Amino acid sequence: MALIRNMVYSVFDAPSEGKITTTEAKAKQARQVVERMITLTRNDTVHARRMARRVLGDPQMVQRLFEEIGPQFRERPGGYTRMVRLGTRRGDAASMVRLELIDYTP
């Protein structure tokens, strides 16, 4: 869970601009959590913030998620992320993808 938590944190972190590059298997796992976190922002309640904090761990990131990132997806009914296939990684031929937030401006 710690690996997925760090990947989700990286997607929401400012320098990444809503994108991370990773293997396809890891991206599929992280995508589920990212989608769930953005869905939590649809009702900005104390309970939703606590659930997000349980996953993200950082109160500043939770605040950024609810005040900056979440409002950009209010009108979108779901499907906040996309996975773009980048080919295989040299060395072990693992399938690489870029997990990114759709219509996100940092």
N, C-alpha and C. Protein backbone atom coordinates (compact mmCIF):
# COMPACT_ATOMS: atom_id res chain seq x y z
N MET A 1 0.82 -1.20 0.00
CA MET A 1 0.00 0.00 0.00
C MET A 1 0.87 1.26 0.00
N ALA A 2 2.05 1.19 0.60
CA ALA A 2 2.91 2.37 0.66
C ALA A 2 3.36 2.80 -0.73
N LEU A 3 3.64 1.84 -1.60
CA LEU A 3 4.06 2.18 -2.96
C LEU A 3 2.93 2.90 -3.70
N ILE A 4 1.73 2.38 -3.59
CA ILE A 4 0.57 2.99 -4.25
C ILE A 4 0.30 4.36 -3.66
N ARG A 5 0.41 4.49 -2.34
CA ARG A 5 0.20 5.78 -1.68
C ARG A 5 1.18 6.82 -2.21
N ASN A 6 2.44 6.45 -2.36
CA ASN A 6 3.44 7.38 -2.88
C ASN A 6 3.16 7.75 -4.34
N MET A 7 2.68 6.81 -5.12
CA MET A 7 2.36 7.11 -6.51
C MET A 7 1.18 8.06 -6.61
N VAL A 8 0.16 7.85 -5.79
CA VAL A 8 -1.00 8.74 -5.77
C VAL A 8 -0.58 10.13 -5.33
N TYR A 9 0.27 10.20 -4.31
CA TYR A 9 0.79 11.48 -3.84
C TYR A 9 1.53 12.19 -4.97
N SER A 10 2.30 11.43 -5.75
CA SER A 10 3.06 12.01 -6.85
C SER A 10 2.14 12.56 -7.95
N VAL A 11 1.03 11.91 -8.20
CA VAL A 11 0.08 12.41 -9.20
C VAL A 11 -0.46 13.77 -8.77
N PHE A 12 -0.77 13.93 -7.49
CA PHE A 12 -1.36 15.17 -7.00
C PHE A 12 -0.32 16.23 -6.66
N ASP A 13 0.95 15.86 -6.61
CA ASP A 13 2.00 16.81 -6.24
C ASP A 13 2.22 17.82 -7.37
N ALA A 14 2.55 19.05 -7.01
CA ALA A 14 2.67 20.14 -7.99
C ALA A 14 3.73 19.91 -9.07
N PRO A 15 4.96 19.48 -8.75
CA PRO A 15 5.97 19.33 -9.82
C PRO A 15 5.61 18.30 -10.88
N SER A 16 4.78 17.32 -10.55
CA SER A 16 4.46 16.27 -11.52
C SER A 16 3.43 16.73 -12.55
N GLU A 17 2.73 17.82 -12.29
CA GLU A 17 1.69 18.35 -13.18
C GLU A 17 0.62 17.32 -13.50
N GLY A 18 0.30 16.45 -12.55
CA GLY A 18 -0.76 15.48 -12.74
C GLY A 18 -0.37 14.28 -13.57
N LYS A 19 0.93 13.99 -13.71
CA LYS A 19 1.38 12.87 -14.54
C LYS A 19 2.48 12.10 -13.83
N ILE A 20 2.45 10.78 -13.99
CA ILE A 20 3.56 9.95 -13.55
C ILE A 20 3.79 8.87 -14.61
N THR A 21 5.01 8.41 -14.72
CA THR A 21 5.36 7.32 -15.62
C THR A 21 5.74 6.11 -14.78
N THR A 22 5.09 4.98 -15.05
CA THR A 22 5.32 3.78 -14.26
C THR A 22 4.93 2.56 -15.09
N THR A 23 5.02 1.39 -14.50
CA THR A 23 4.62 0.18 -15.21
C THR A 23 3.10 0.11 -15.26
N GLU A 24 2.61 -0.67 -16.20
CA GLU A 24 1.16 -0.75 -16.40
C GLU A 24 0.45 -1.33 -15.18
N ALA A 25 1.02 -2.35 -14.58
CA ALA A 25 0.38 -2.98 -13.43
C ALA A 25 0.27 -2.01 -12.25
N LYS A 26 1.35 -1.27 -11.99
CA LYS A 26 1.32 -0.30 -10.89
C LYS A 26 0.36 0.84 -11.20
N ALA A 27 0.30 1.26 -12.45
CA ALA A 27 -0.59 2.36 -12.84
C ALA A 27 -2.05 1.96 -12.66
N LYS A 28 -2.38 0.72 -12.96
CA LYS A 28 -3.76 0.26 -12.79
C LYS A 28 -4.18 0.33 -11.32
N GLN A 29 -3.28 -0.05 -10.43
CA GLN A 29 -3.58 0.01 -9.00
C GLN A 29 -3.70 1.46 -8.53
N ALA A 30 -2.77 2.30 -8.96
CA ALA A 30 -2.78 3.70 -8.54
C ALA A 30 -4.00 4.42 -9.10
N ARG A 31 -4.40 4.06 -10.30
CA ARG A 31 -5.55 4.71 -10.94
C ARG A 31 -6.81 4.57 -10.10
N GLN A 32 -7.04 3.40 -9.55
CA GLN A 32 -8.22 3.17 -8.71
C GLN A 32 -8.25 4.13 -7.53
N VAL A 33 -7.10 4.30 -6.90
CA VAL A 33 -7.04 5.16 -5.71
C VAL A 33 -7.16 6.63 -6.10
N VAL A 34 -6.54 7.04 -7.21
CA VAL A 34 -6.64 8.43 -7.67
C VAL A 34 -8.09 8.77 -7.98
N GLU A 35 -8.77 7.88 -8.69
CA GLU A 35 -10.18 8.12 -9.02
C GLU A 35 -11.02 8.24 -7.75
N ARG A 36 -10.75 7.39 -6.78
CA ARG A 36 -11.51 7.43 -5.53
C ARG A 36 -11.26 8.73 -4.77
N MET A 37 -10.02 9.20 -4.76
CA MET A 37 -9.68 10.45 -4.06
C MET A 37 -10.39 11.65 -4.71
N ILE A 38 -10.42 11.69 -6.02
CA ILE A 38 -11.09 12.81 -6.69
C ILE A 38 -12.59 12.73 -6.48
N THR A 39 -13.14 11.52 -6.46
CA THR A 39 -14.57 11.36 -6.19
C THR A 39 -14.91 11.84 -4.78
N LEU A 40 -14.01 11.64 -3.83
CA LEU A 40 -14.24 12.13 -2.47
C LEU A 40 -14.40 13.64 -2.42
N THR A 41 -13.74 14.35 -3.32
CA THR A 41 -13.80 15.82 -3.30
C THR A 41 -15.16 16.34 -3.74
N ARG A 42 -16.00 15.47 -4.31
CA ARG A 42 -17.31 15.92 -4.77
C ARG A 42 -18.18 16.36 -3.61
N ASN A 43 -18.12 15.69 -2.44
CA ASN A 43 -18.76 16.26 -1.26
C ASN A 43 -17.68 16.57 -0.26
N ASP A 44 -17.48 17.83 -0.10
CA ASP A 44 -16.42 18.34 0.77
C ASP A 44 -16.92 18.33 2.21
N THR A 45 -16.85 17.15 2.84
CA THR A 45 -17.26 17.03 4.23
C THR A 45 -16.04 16.67 5.07
N VAL A 46 -16.19 16.77 6.36
CA VAL A 46 -15.10 16.41 7.27
C VAL A 46 -14.77 14.92 7.10
N HIS A 47 -15.80 14.11 6.94
CA HIS A 47 -15.58 12.68 6.77
C HIS A 47 -14.78 12.39 5.49
N ALA A 48 -15.13 13.07 4.40
CA ALA A 48 -14.41 12.86 3.14
C ALA A 48 -12.95 13.28 3.27
N ARG A 49 -12.70 14.38 3.96
CA ARG A 49 -11.32 14.83 4.17
C ARG A 49 -10.54 13.83 5.04
N ARG A 50 -11.20 13.26 6.02
CA ARG A 50 -10.52 12.28 6.88
C ARG A 50 -10.20 11.01 6.10
N MET A 51 -11.10 10.60 5.22
CA MET A 51 -10.84 9.42 4.40
C MET A 51 -9.67 9.67 3.45
N ALA A 52 -9.60 10.87 2.89
CA ALA A 52 -8.49 11.22 2.00
C ALA A 52 -7.18 11.28 2.79
N ARG A 53 -7.25 11.80 3.99
CA ARG A 53 -6.04 11.90 4.82
C ARG A 53 -5.52 10.51 5.19
N ARG A 54 -6.44 9.58 5.36
CA ARG A 54 -6.03 8.22 5.70
C ARG A 54 -5.21 7.61 4.56
N VAL A 55 -5.53 7.95 3.33
CA VAL A 55 -4.79 7.42 2.19
C VAL A 55 -3.53 8.24 1.92
N LEU A 56 -3.67 9.57 1.87
CA LEU A 56 -2.55 10.43 1.49
C LEU A 56 -1.58 10.67 2.64
N GLY A 57 -2.10 10.80 3.85
CA GLY A 57 -1.23 10.99 5.01
C GLY A 57 -0.81 12.42 5.28
N ASP A 58 -0.79 13.27 4.29
CA ASP A 58 -0.30 14.64 4.45
C ASP A 58 -1.47 15.62 4.47
N PRO A 59 -1.66 16.36 5.56
CA PRO A 59 -2.80 17.29 5.61
C PRO A 59 -2.73 18.41 4.57
N GLN A 60 -1.52 18.85 4.22
CA GLN A 60 -1.40 19.89 3.20
C GLN A 60 -1.83 19.36 1.83
N MET A 61 -1.51 18.10 1.54
CA MET A 61 -1.91 17.52 0.27
C MET A 61 -3.42 17.32 0.22
N VAL A 62 -4.02 16.96 1.34
CA VAL A 62 -5.48 16.82 1.40
C VAL A 62 -6.14 18.17 1.13
N GLN A 63 -5.61 19.21 1.74
CA GLN A 63 -6.15 20.55 1.53
C GLN A 63 -6.02 20.95 0.06
N ARG A 64 -4.87 20.68 -0.54
CA ARG A 64 -4.66 21.00 -1.95
C ARG A 64 -5.61 20.20 -2.84
N LEU A 65 -5.82 18.93 -2.49
CA LEU A 65 -6.73 18.08 -3.25
C LEU A 65 -8.14 18.64 -3.24
N PHE A 66 -8.62 19.05 -2.07
CA PHE A 66 -10.00 19.52 -1.95
C PHE A 66 -10.20 20.95 -2.44
N GLU A 67 -9.17 21.79 -2.38
CA GLU A 67 -9.36 23.20 -2.72
C GLU A 67 -8.85 23.56 -4.12
N GLU A 68 -7.88 22.84 -4.66
CA GLU A 68 -7.33 23.19 -5.97
C GLU A 68 -7.64 22.14 -7.04
N ILE A 69 -7.42 20.89 -6.73
CA ILE A 69 -7.55 19.83 -7.74
C ILE A 69 -9.01 19.42 -7.92
N GLY A 70 -9.70 19.14 -6.83
CA GLY A 70 -11.08 18.67 -6.89
C GLY A 70 -12.04 19.56 -7.65
N PRO A 71 -12.03 20.88 -7.41
CA PRO A 71 -12.97 21.75 -8.13
C PRO A 71 -12.84 21.72 -9.65
N GLN A 72 -11.68 21.36 -10.16
CA GLN A 72 -11.51 21.28 -11.62
C GLN A 72 -12.28 20.11 -12.23
N PHE A 73 -12.67 19.15 -11.39
CA PHE A 73 -13.36 17.96 -11.88
C PHE A 73 -14.81 17.88 -11.43
N ARG A 74 -15.36 18.96 -10.89
CA ARG A 74 -16.73 18.95 -10.36
C ARG A 74 -17.76 18.56 -11.42
N GLU A 75 -17.62 19.08 -12.62
CA GLU A 75 -18.61 18.84 -13.67
C GLU A 75 -18.41 17.49 -14.37
N ARG A 76 -17.28 16.87 -14.16
CA ARG A 76 -16.98 15.60 -14.83
C ARG A 76 -17.57 14.45 -14.01
N PRO A 77 -18.38 13.57 -14.62
CA PRO A 77 -19.04 12.52 -13.86
C PRO A 77 -18.14 11.35 -13.47
N GLY A 78 -16.94 11.29 -13.95
CA GLY A 78 -16.02 10.20 -13.64
C GLY A 78 -14.96 10.12 -14.72
N GLY A 79 -14.10 9.15 -14.64
CA GLY A 79 -13.05 9.00 -15.64
C GLY A 79 -12.08 10.16 -15.61
N TYR A 80 -11.48 10.38 -14.46
CA TYR A 80 -10.61 11.54 -14.27
C TYR A 80 -9.19 11.30 -14.76
N THR A 81 -8.84 10.06 -15.05
CA THR A 81 -7.47 9.74 -15.43
C THR A 81 -7.44 9.02 -16.78
N ARG A 82 -6.26 9.04 -17.40
CA ARG A 82 -6.04 8.25 -18.61
C ARG A 82 -4.67 7.60 -18.51
N MET A 83 -4.55 6.46 -19.17
CA MET A 83 -3.27 5.76 -19.21
C MET A 83 -2.79 5.74 -20.66
N VAL A 84 -1.65 6.35 -20.91
CA VAL A 84 -1.07 6.41 -22.25
C VAL A 84 0.08 5.41 -22.30
N ARG A 85 -0.01 4.45 -23.20
CA ARG A 85 1.04 3.44 -23.33
C ARG A 85 2.28 4.05 -23.97
N LEU A 86 3.43 3.77 -23.37
CA LEU A 86 4.68 4.34 -23.84
C LEU A 86 5.62 3.31 -24.46
N GLY A 87 5.23 2.07 -24.46
CA GLY A 87 6.09 1.01 -25.00
C GLY A 87 6.68 0.19 -23.87
N THR A 88 7.76 -0.50 -24.16
CA THR A 88 8.37 -1.36 -23.15
C THR A 88 9.65 -0.73 -22.62
N ARG A 89 9.94 -1.06 -21.38
CA ARG A 89 11.15 -0.55 -20.74
C ARG A 89 12.34 -1.39 -21.18
N ARG A 90 13.41 -0.71 -21.44
CA ARG A 90 14.63 -1.40 -21.83
C ARG A 90 15.21 -2.10 -20.60
N GLY A 91 15.57 -3.32 -20.74
CA GLY A 91 16.16 -4.05 -19.63
C GLY A 91 15.30 -5.22 -19.21
N ASP A 92 14.03 -4.96 -18.90
CA ASP A 92 13.16 -6.06 -18.50
C ASP A 92 11.89 -6.14 -19.34
N ALA A 93 11.75 -5.27 -20.33
CA ALA A 93 10.62 -5.28 -21.27
C ALA A 93 9.27 -5.12 -20.56
N ALA A 94 9.26 -4.41 -19.45
CA ALA A 94 8.00 -4.14 -18.76
C ALA A 94 7.22 -3.09 -19.54
N SER A 95 5.92 -3.27 -19.62
CA SER A 95 5.07 -2.32 -20.33
C SER A 95 4.95 -1.03 -19.52
N MET A 96 5.37 0.09 -20.10
CA MET A 96 5.36 1.37 -19.40
C MET A 96 4.18 2.21 -19.86
N VAL A 97 3.60 2.96 -18.93
CA VAL A 97 2.49 3.86 -19.23
C VAL A 97 2.69 5.17 -18.50
N ARG A 98 1.99 6.20 -18.98
CA ARG A 98 1.95 7.47 -18.27
C ARG A 98 0.53 7.63 -17.75
N LEU A 99 0.39 7.72 -16.44
CA LEU A 99 -0.90 7.93 -15.80
C LEU A 99 -1.05 9.43 -15.62
N GLU A 100 -2.12 10.01 -16.18
CA GLU A 100 -2.28 11.45 -16.10
C GLU A 100 -3.73 11.83 -15.84
N LEU A 101 -3.89 12.98 -15.21
CA LEU A 101 -5.22 13.52 -14.97
C LEU A 101 -5.71 14.19 -16.25
N ILE A 102 -6.97 13.95 -16.59
CA ILE A 102 -7.55 14.52 -17.81
C ILE A 102 -8.01 15.94 -17.52
N ASP A 103 -7.75 16.85 -18.44
CA ASP A 103 -8.19 18.26 -18.34
C ASP A 103 -7.75 18.91 -17.05
N TYR A 104 -6.53 18.66 -16.63
CA TYR A 104 -6.01 19.23 -15.39
C TYR A 104 -5.00 20.32 -15.72
N THR A 105 -5.17 21.48 -15.11
CA THR A 105 -4.19 22.55 -15.24
C THR A 105 -3.63 22.86 -13.86
N PRO A 106 -2.32 22.70 -13.68
CA PRO A 106 -1.72 22.90 -12.35
C PRO A 106 -1.73 24.35 -11.91
